[in-house]
Amino acid sequence: MDMDGHMHGMDGMASAPANGTMKHHKMMMMHMTFFWGKDAEILFQNWPGGKSGMYILALVFVFLMAVFVELLSHTRFLKPGSNHILAGLIKTLLHVFRVGLAYLVMLALMSFNGGVFLAAVLGHALGFFISTVAFNNKPPLQDETFDLPPNSC
């Protein structure tokens, strides 16, 4: 029994409280293995809501977040010899933005939706490709440093 006088059963449905009224709690099924389909909640409650167009929008959103994580990880934003305090502040803000995006991608992956997984992996791949090939940046060597160190596992 909780503090409001409700008794809860193992099935997630509220039993009759002390005042005799009945409340039902909708129990959401959470996938713990990969599944395919548009019926997933990604990042926000009831989003994309089982609609095909919104599901595709959610995949594009995850894809773009993954691209930006890679671009922030492998692109130079500051010129050598910049003001150290200003450069440190800019690096810190970029780091916070990159980590926030990376956590959002991770939380989207926790939906266990196969489409979200593919969108994130392809987004990371495209972001890496753009940052290393299209912008002609080479991957950092041991003695080189970028503005932000790459995320490492």
N, C-alpha and C. Protein backbone atom coordinates (compact mmCIF):
# COMPACT_ATOMS: atom_id res chain seq x y z
N MET A 1 0.85 -1.17 0.00
CA MET A 1 0.00 0.00 0.00
C MET A 1 0.90 1.23 0.00
N ASP A 2 0.57 2.24 -0.86
CA ASP A 2 1.36 3.46 -0.88
C ASP A 2 0.77 4.49 0.07
N MET A 3 1.33 5.68 0.10
CA MET A 3 0.92 6.71 1.06
C MET A 3 -0.49 7.24 0.77
N ASP A 4 -1.00 7.07 -0.44
CA ASP A 4 -2.34 7.54 -0.78
C ASP A 4 -3.41 6.51 -0.46
N GLY A 5 -3.03 5.38 0.07
CA GLY A 5 -3.99 4.34 0.39
C GLY A 5 -4.30 3.43 -0.78
N HIS A 6 -3.49 3.46 -1.86
CA HIS A 6 -3.70 2.60 -3.00
C HIS A 6 -2.91 1.32 -2.84
N MET A 7 -3.51 0.23 -3.21
CA MET A 7 -2.80 -1.04 -3.20
C MET A 7 -2.48 -1.38 -4.64
N HIS A 8 -1.24 -1.75 -4.91
CA HIS A 8 -0.81 -2.04 -6.27
C HIS A 8 -0.48 -3.51 -6.40
N GLY A 9 -1.02 -4.12 -7.44
CA GLY A 9 -0.76 -5.53 -7.71
C GLY A 9 0.46 -5.69 -8.59
N MET A 10 0.82 -6.92 -8.85
CA MET A 10 1.99 -7.22 -9.67
C MET A 10 1.77 -6.88 -11.13
N ASP A 11 0.50 -6.71 -11.55
CA ASP A 11 0.23 -6.46 -12.96
C ASP A 11 0.31 -4.98 -13.33
N GLY A 12 0.61 -4.10 -12.40
CA GLY A 12 0.75 -2.69 -12.69
C GLY A 12 -0.57 -1.93 -12.66
N MET A 13 -1.68 -2.60 -12.36
CA MET A 13 -2.97 -1.94 -12.29
C MET A 13 -3.24 -1.62 -10.82
N ALA A 14 -3.76 -0.44 -10.58
CA ALA A 14 -4.05 -0.05 -9.21
C ALA A 14 -5.30 -0.76 -8.72
N SER A 15 -5.26 -1.24 -7.51
CA SER A 15 -6.43 -1.84 -6.90
C SER A 15 -7.28 -0.72 -6.30
N ALA A 16 -8.42 -1.06 -5.78
CA ALA A 16 -9.31 -0.06 -5.23
C ALA A 16 -8.67 0.63 -4.03
N PRO A 17 -8.63 1.98 -4.05
CA PRO A 17 -8.10 2.71 -2.91
C PRO A 17 -9.10 2.74 -1.77
N ALA A 18 -8.72 3.34 -0.67
CA ALA A 18 -9.55 3.36 0.53
C ALA A 18 -10.89 4.05 0.29
N ASN A 19 -10.96 5.05 -0.62
CA ASN A 19 -12.21 5.78 -0.82
C ASN A 19 -13.16 5.07 -1.79
N GLY A 20 -12.82 3.93 -2.31
CA GLY A 20 -13.70 3.12 -3.13
C GLY A 20 -13.65 3.41 -4.62
N THR A 21 -12.93 4.43 -5.07
CA THR A 21 -12.84 4.69 -6.51
C THR A 21 -11.78 3.80 -7.12
N MET A 22 -11.85 3.61 -8.42
CA MET A 22 -10.90 2.73 -9.10
C MET A 22 -10.06 3.54 -10.07
N LYS A 23 -8.76 3.44 -9.99
CA LYS A 23 -7.86 4.10 -10.93
C LYS A 23 -7.11 3.03 -11.68
N HIS A 24 -6.94 3.26 -12.97
CA HIS A 24 -6.17 2.33 -13.79
C HIS A 24 -4.96 3.06 -14.33
N HIS A 25 -3.84 2.47 -14.22
CA HIS A 25 -2.60 3.03 -14.76
C HIS A 25 -2.26 2.27 -16.02
N LYS A 26 -2.04 3.01 -17.09
CA LYS A 26 -1.63 2.36 -18.34
C LYS A 26 -0.19 1.91 -18.19
N MET A 27 0.04 0.65 -18.41
CA MET A 27 1.38 0.12 -18.30
C MET A 27 1.99 0.02 -19.68
N MET A 28 3.16 0.64 -19.86
CA MET A 28 3.82 0.66 -21.16
C MET A 28 4.79 -0.51 -21.24
N MET A 29 4.78 -1.18 -22.37
CA MET A 29 5.73 -2.26 -22.58
C MET A 29 7.04 -1.67 -23.07
N MET A 30 8.11 -2.01 -22.42
CA MET A 30 9.42 -1.52 -22.82
C MET A 30 10.21 -2.69 -23.40
N HIS A 31 10.68 -2.51 -24.61
CA HIS A 31 11.45 -3.56 -25.26
C HIS A 31 12.84 -3.64 -24.64
N MET A 32 13.30 -4.85 -24.43
CA MET A 32 14.63 -5.07 -23.90
C MET A 32 15.51 -5.81 -24.91
N THR A 33 15.00 -5.98 -26.12
CA THR A 33 15.75 -6.56 -27.23
C THR A 33 15.42 -5.74 -28.47
N PHE A 34 16.27 -5.83 -29.49
CA PHE A 34 16.03 -5.07 -30.71
C PHE A 34 14.72 -5.52 -31.36
N PHE A 35 14.00 -4.55 -31.89
CA PHE A 35 12.78 -4.83 -32.62
C PHE A 35 12.69 -3.87 -33.80
N TRP A 36 11.92 -4.23 -34.77
CA TRP A 36 11.72 -3.41 -35.96
C TRP A 36 10.30 -2.91 -35.97
N GLY A 37 10.11 -1.70 -36.37
CA GLY A 37 8.77 -1.14 -36.47
C GLY A 37 8.73 0.30 -36.03
N LYS A 38 7.64 0.97 -36.40
CA LYS A 38 7.50 2.38 -36.12
C LYS A 38 6.88 2.64 -34.75
N ASP A 39 6.45 1.61 -34.06
CA ASP A 39 5.81 1.77 -32.75
C ASP A 39 6.85 1.78 -31.64
N ALA A 40 7.59 2.88 -31.58
CA ALA A 40 8.62 3.04 -30.57
C ALA A 40 8.51 4.42 -29.97
N GLU A 41 8.94 4.57 -28.74
CA GLU A 41 9.06 5.89 -28.14
C GLU A 41 10.54 6.24 -28.14
N ILE A 42 10.86 7.36 -28.78
CA ILE A 42 12.24 7.76 -28.94
C ILE A 42 12.43 9.12 -28.28
N LEU A 43 13.16 9.16 -27.20
CA LEU A 43 13.54 10.37 -26.47
C LEU A 43 12.41 11.02 -25.69
N PHE A 44 11.20 11.11 -26.22
CA PHE A 44 10.11 11.81 -25.55
C PHE A 44 8.88 10.91 -25.48
N GLN A 45 8.06 11.11 -24.47
CA GLN A 45 6.86 10.31 -24.31
C GLN A 45 5.93 10.53 -25.50
N ASN A 46 5.42 9.44 -26.04
CA ASN A 46 4.50 9.43 -27.18
C ASN A 46 5.10 10.02 -28.46
N TRP A 47 6.42 10.02 -28.59
CA TRP A 47 7.05 10.48 -29.83
C TRP A 47 7.88 9.36 -30.40
N PRO A 48 7.72 8.96 -31.60
CA PRO A 48 6.95 9.57 -32.67
C PRO A 48 5.47 9.22 -32.69
N GLY A 49 4.98 8.41 -31.80
CA GLY A 49 3.55 8.17 -31.70
C GLY A 49 2.98 7.16 -32.67
N GLY A 50 3.79 6.33 -33.28
CA GLY A 50 3.30 5.28 -34.17
C GLY A 50 2.93 5.75 -35.56
N LYS A 51 3.18 7.01 -35.87
CA LYS A 51 2.89 7.53 -37.21
C LYS A 51 4.13 7.40 -38.07
N SER A 52 3.98 6.91 -39.29
CA SER A 52 5.13 6.66 -40.17
C SER A 52 5.93 7.93 -40.43
N GLY A 53 5.25 9.04 -40.72
CA GLY A 53 5.96 10.29 -41.00
C GLY A 53 6.77 10.78 -39.81
N MET A 54 6.20 10.67 -38.63
CA MET A 54 6.91 11.10 -37.42
C MET A 54 8.06 10.15 -37.09
N TYR A 55 7.88 8.87 -37.39
CA TYR A 55 8.95 7.90 -37.16
C TYR A 55 10.14 8.23 -38.05
N ILE A 56 9.87 8.56 -39.32
CA ILE A 56 10.95 8.93 -40.24
C ILE A 56 11.62 10.21 -39.76
N LEU A 57 10.85 11.17 -39.27
CA LEU A 57 11.42 12.40 -38.71
C LEU A 57 12.31 12.09 -37.52
N ALA A 58 11.88 11.17 -36.67
CA ALA A 58 12.70 10.77 -35.51
C ALA A 58 14.01 10.14 -35.96
N LEU A 59 13.97 9.30 -37.00
CA LEU A 59 15.19 8.69 -37.53
C LEU A 59 16.13 9.74 -38.10
N VAL A 60 15.57 10.72 -38.82
CA VAL A 60 16.39 11.80 -39.37
C VAL A 60 17.01 12.61 -38.23
N PHE A 61 16.26 12.86 -37.19
CA PHE A 61 16.76 13.60 -36.03
C PHE A 61 17.93 12.88 -35.37
N VAL A 62 17.79 11.58 -35.15
CA VAL A 62 18.87 10.78 -34.55
C VAL A 62 20.08 10.77 -35.48
N PHE A 63 19.84 10.60 -36.78
CA PHE A 63 20.91 10.59 -37.78
C PHE A 63 21.70 11.90 -37.72
N LEU A 64 21.01 13.04 -37.73
CA LEU A 64 21.69 14.33 -37.70
C LEU A 64 22.44 14.57 -36.40
N MET A 65 21.87 14.12 -35.29
CA MET A 65 22.60 14.26 -34.02
C MET A 65 23.91 13.47 -34.06
N ALA A 66 23.88 12.26 -34.62
CA ALA A 66 25.09 11.44 -34.71
C ALA A 66 26.11 12.09 -35.64
N VAL A 67 25.65 12.67 -36.75
CA VAL A 67 26.56 13.38 -37.66
C VAL A 67 27.25 14.52 -36.92
N PHE A 68 26.48 15.32 -36.19
CA PHE A 68 27.05 16.46 -35.47
C PHE A 68 28.01 16.03 -34.37
N VAL A 69 27.76 14.91 -33.71
CA VAL A 69 28.70 14.41 -32.70
C VAL A 69 30.06 14.16 -33.35
N GLU A 70 30.06 13.51 -34.51
CA GLU A 70 31.32 13.23 -35.20
C GLU A 70 31.99 14.50 -35.71
N LEU A 71 31.20 15.42 -36.26
CA LEU A 71 31.79 16.66 -36.76
C LEU A 71 32.42 17.46 -35.61
N LEU A 72 31.77 17.49 -34.48
CA LEU A 72 32.34 18.19 -33.32
C LEU A 72 33.57 17.48 -32.79
N SER A 73 33.66 16.18 -32.99
CA SER A 73 34.79 15.41 -32.47
C SER A 73 36.04 15.54 -33.34
N HIS A 74 35.88 15.85 -34.62
CA HIS A 74 37.02 15.78 -35.54
C HIS A 74 37.29 17.04 -36.33
N THR A 75 36.70 18.15 -35.96
CA THR A 75 36.87 19.37 -36.74
C THR A 75 37.54 20.45 -35.89
N ARG A 76 38.44 21.19 -36.51
CA ARG A 76 39.10 22.30 -35.82
C ARG A 76 38.23 23.54 -35.92
N PHE A 77 38.04 24.20 -34.79
CA PHE A 77 37.25 25.42 -34.77
C PHE A 77 38.11 26.64 -34.42
N LEU A 78 39.25 26.42 -33.79
CA LEU A 78 40.08 27.53 -33.31
C LEU A 78 41.40 27.55 -34.06
N LYS A 79 41.88 28.75 -34.28
CA LYS A 79 43.19 28.91 -34.91
C LYS A 79 44.27 28.78 -33.86
N PRO A 80 45.43 28.21 -34.24
CA PRO A 80 46.54 28.15 -33.29
C PRO A 80 46.94 29.57 -32.87
N GLY A 81 47.26 29.75 -31.62
CA GLY A 81 47.66 31.05 -31.11
C GLY A 81 46.50 31.91 -30.65
N SER A 82 45.30 31.34 -30.52
CA SER A 82 44.14 32.10 -30.05
C SER A 82 44.31 32.44 -28.58
N ASN A 83 43.55 33.41 -28.12
CA ASN A 83 43.54 33.78 -26.70
C ASN A 83 43.22 32.53 -25.88
N HIS A 84 44.06 32.19 -24.92
CA HIS A 84 43.92 30.94 -24.17
C HIS A 84 42.62 30.89 -23.36
N ILE A 85 42.24 31.99 -22.76
CA ILE A 85 41.03 31.97 -21.94
C ILE A 85 39.79 31.85 -22.84
N LEU A 86 39.75 32.63 -23.89
CA LEU A 86 38.62 32.54 -24.82
C LEU A 86 38.58 31.17 -25.50
N ALA A 87 39.74 30.67 -25.90
CA ALA A 87 39.80 29.34 -26.52
C ALA A 87 39.31 28.27 -25.54
N GLY A 88 39.70 28.38 -24.28
CA GLY A 88 39.25 27.42 -23.27
C GLY A 88 37.75 27.47 -23.07
N LEU A 89 37.20 28.67 -23.07
CA LEU A 89 35.75 28.82 -22.92
C LEU A 89 35.02 28.22 -24.13
N ILE A 90 35.49 28.50 -25.33
CA ILE A 90 34.87 27.94 -26.54
C ILE A 90 34.97 26.42 -26.56
N LYS A 91 36.14 25.90 -26.19
CA LYS A 91 36.32 24.44 -26.14
C LYS A 91 35.35 23.81 -25.14
N THR A 92 35.18 24.46 -24.00
CA THR A 92 34.29 23.94 -22.97
C THR A 92 32.84 23.92 -23.47
N LEU A 93 32.40 25.00 -24.09
CA LEU A 93 31.03 25.05 -24.61
C LEU A 93 30.82 24.01 -25.72
N LEU A 94 31.80 23.85 -26.61
CA LEU A 94 31.69 22.83 -27.65
C LEU A 94 31.66 21.43 -27.05
N HIS A 95 32.46 21.22 -26.02
CA HIS A 95 32.49 19.91 -25.35
C HIS A 95 31.13 19.60 -24.71
N VAL A 96 30.55 20.58 -24.04
CA VAL A 96 29.24 20.38 -23.41
C VAL A 96 28.19 20.05 -24.48
N PHE A 97 28.21 20.78 -25.59
CA PHE A 97 27.26 20.53 -26.68
C PHE A 97 27.46 19.13 -27.26
N ARG A 98 28.73 18.74 -27.48
CA ARG A 98 29.01 17.42 -28.05
C ARG A 98 28.58 16.30 -27.11
N VAL A 99 28.89 16.43 -25.83
CA VAL A 99 28.53 15.39 -24.87
C VAL A 99 27.01 15.30 -24.75
N GLY A 100 26.33 16.45 -24.74
CA GLY A 100 24.87 16.43 -24.68
C GLY A 100 24.26 15.71 -25.88
N LEU A 101 24.78 16.00 -27.07
CA LEU A 101 24.29 15.30 -28.28
C LEU A 101 24.60 13.80 -28.20
N ALA A 102 25.79 13.46 -27.74
CA ALA A 102 26.16 12.04 -27.64
C ALA A 102 25.24 11.31 -26.67
N TYR A 103 24.90 11.95 -25.54
CA TYR A 103 23.98 11.33 -24.59
C TYR A 103 22.57 11.19 -25.18
N LEU A 104 22.13 12.17 -25.96
CA LEU A 104 20.82 12.06 -26.59
C LEU A 104 20.79 10.91 -27.59
N VAL A 105 21.87 10.73 -28.35
CA VAL A 105 21.94 9.60 -29.28
C VAL A 105 21.89 8.29 -28.49
N MET A 106 22.63 8.23 -27.39
CA MET A 106 22.62 7.02 -26.57
C MET A 106 21.23 6.74 -26.01
N LEU A 107 20.54 7.78 -25.54
CA LEU A 107 19.19 7.58 -25.01
C LEU A 107 18.22 7.14 -26.11
N ALA A 108 18.39 7.67 -27.32
CA ALA A 108 17.55 7.22 -28.44
C ALA A 108 17.80 5.74 -28.72
N LEU A 109 19.05 5.32 -28.63
CA LEU A 109 19.37 3.91 -28.86
C LEU A 109 18.75 3.00 -27.81
N MET A 110 18.48 3.55 -26.65
CA MET A 110 17.88 2.75 -25.59
C MET A 110 16.42 2.40 -25.87
N SER A 111 15.88 2.90 -26.98
CA SER A 111 14.54 2.47 -27.41
C SER A 111 14.60 1.06 -27.99
N PHE A 112 15.80 0.56 -28.28
CA PHE A 112 16.04 -0.77 -28.84
C PHE A 112 15.38 -0.94 -30.20
N ASN A 113 15.14 0.15 -30.91
CA ASN A 113 14.53 0.09 -32.23
C ASN A 113 15.63 -0.08 -33.27
N GLY A 114 15.48 -1.04 -34.15
CA GLY A 114 16.50 -1.32 -35.17
C GLY A 114 16.72 -0.14 -36.11
N GLY A 115 15.67 0.56 -36.48
CA GLY A 115 15.80 1.73 -37.34
C GLY A 115 16.61 2.84 -36.69
N VAL A 116 16.39 3.06 -35.40
CA VAL A 116 17.15 4.07 -34.66
C VAL A 116 18.61 3.68 -34.60
N PHE A 117 18.88 2.40 -34.37
CA PHE A 117 20.26 1.92 -34.34
C PHE A 117 20.96 2.18 -35.67
N LEU A 118 20.29 1.81 -36.77
CA LEU A 118 20.89 2.03 -38.09
C LEU A 118 21.08 3.52 -38.37
N ALA A 119 20.12 4.35 -38.00
CA ALA A 119 20.24 5.80 -38.22
C ALA A 119 21.43 6.36 -37.45
N ALA A 120 21.64 5.91 -36.22
CA ALA A 120 22.76 6.41 -35.42
C ALA A 120 24.10 5.95 -35.99
N VAL A 121 24.20 4.69 -36.35
CA VAL A 121 25.46 4.18 -36.91
C VAL A 121 25.79 4.86 -38.24
N LEU A 122 24.79 4.99 -39.11
CA LEU A 122 25.02 5.65 -40.39
C LEU A 122 25.34 7.13 -40.21
N GLY A 123 24.72 7.77 -39.23
CA GLY A 123 25.03 9.16 -38.93
C GLY A 123 26.47 9.34 -38.45
N HIS A 124 26.91 8.45 -37.57
CA HIS A 124 28.31 8.50 -37.12
C HIS A 124 29.25 8.25 -38.30
N ALA A 125 28.91 7.32 -39.16
CA ALA A 125 29.77 7.02 -40.32
C ALA A 125 29.85 8.22 -41.26
N LEU A 126 28.72 8.83 -41.58
CA LEU A 126 28.73 10.00 -42.47
C LEU A 126 29.47 11.17 -41.82
N GLY A 127 29.25 11.40 -40.55
CA GLY A 127 29.95 12.48 -39.86
C GLY A 127 31.45 12.28 -39.87
N PHE A 128 31.89 11.05 -39.65
CA PHE A 128 33.33 10.76 -39.70
C PHE A 128 33.86 10.96 -41.11
N PHE A 129 33.12 10.47 -42.10
CA PHE A 129 33.54 10.63 -43.49
C PHE A 129 33.67 12.10 -43.86
N ILE A 130 32.67 12.88 -43.53
CA ILE A 130 32.71 14.32 -43.85
C ILE A 130 33.88 15.00 -43.16
N SER A 131 34.08 14.70 -41.89
CA SER A 131 35.13 15.40 -41.15
C SER A 131 36.53 14.97 -41.55
N THR A 132 36.72 13.76 -42.02
CA THR A 132 38.07 13.31 -42.36
C THR A 132 38.39 13.36 -43.84
N VAL A 133 37.38 13.18 -44.70
CA VAL A 133 37.64 13.13 -46.14
C VAL A 133 37.19 14.40 -46.84
N ALA A 134 35.93 14.75 -46.68
CA ALA A 134 35.39 15.89 -47.42
C ALA A 134 36.03 17.21 -47.01
N PHE A 135 36.33 17.39 -45.72
CA PHE A 135 37.00 18.61 -45.27
C PHE A 135 38.51 18.45 -45.29
N ASN A 136 38.96 17.32 -45.80
CA ASN A 136 40.38 17.02 -45.93
C ASN A 136 41.13 17.06 -44.60
N ASN A 137 40.41 16.75 -43.53
CA ASN A 137 41.07 16.60 -42.23
C ASN A 137 41.57 15.18 -42.13
N LYS A 138 42.74 15.02 -41.63
CA LYS A 138 43.22 13.65 -41.41
C LYS A 138 42.94 13.28 -39.95
N PRO A 139 42.77 12.00 -39.68
CA PRO A 139 42.55 11.60 -38.30
C PRO A 139 43.74 12.02 -37.45
N PRO A 140 43.50 12.39 -36.19
CA PRO A 140 44.60 12.87 -35.35
C PRO A 140 45.63 11.78 -35.09
N LEU A 141 46.89 12.17 -35.12
CA LEU A 141 47.98 11.28 -34.75
C LEU A 141 48.24 11.46 -33.27
N GLN A 142 49.16 10.70 -32.74
CA GLN A 142 49.48 10.78 -31.32
C GLN A 142 49.93 12.18 -30.91
N ASP A 143 50.71 12.86 -31.74
CA ASP A 143 51.26 14.15 -31.35
C ASP A 143 50.38 15.32 -31.80
N GLU A 144 49.26 15.07 -32.46
CA GLU A 144 48.35 16.13 -32.90
C GLU A 144 47.17 16.20 -31.95
N THR A 145 46.64 17.39 -31.83
CA THR A 145 45.43 17.55 -31.03
C THR A 145 44.43 18.39 -31.80
N PHE A 146 43.17 18.01 -31.70
CA PHE A 146 42.09 18.79 -32.24
C PHE A 146 41.57 19.67 -31.11
N ASP A 147 40.65 20.55 -31.44
CA ASP A 147 40.06 21.39 -30.40
C ASP A 147 39.43 20.53 -29.30
N LEU A 148 38.72 19.51 -29.70
CA LEU A 148 38.12 18.59 -28.75
C LEU A 148 38.69 17.20 -29.00
N PRO A 149 39.11 16.53 -27.95
CA PRO A 149 39.58 15.16 -28.20
C PRO A 149 38.40 14.27 -28.62
N PRO A 150 38.63 13.32 -29.53
CA PRO A 150 37.55 12.43 -29.96
C PRO A 150 37.00 11.64 -28.78
N ASN A 151 35.70 11.32 -28.85
CA ASN A 151 35.13 10.42 -27.85
C ASN A 151 35.80 9.07 -27.98
N SER A 152 36.13 8.48 -26.88
CA SER A 152 36.77 7.17 -26.95
C SER A 152 35.97 6.16 -26.12
N CYS A 153 36.04 4.91 -26.53
CA CYS A 153 35.33 3.86 -25.81
C CYS A 153 36.21 3.34 -24.70
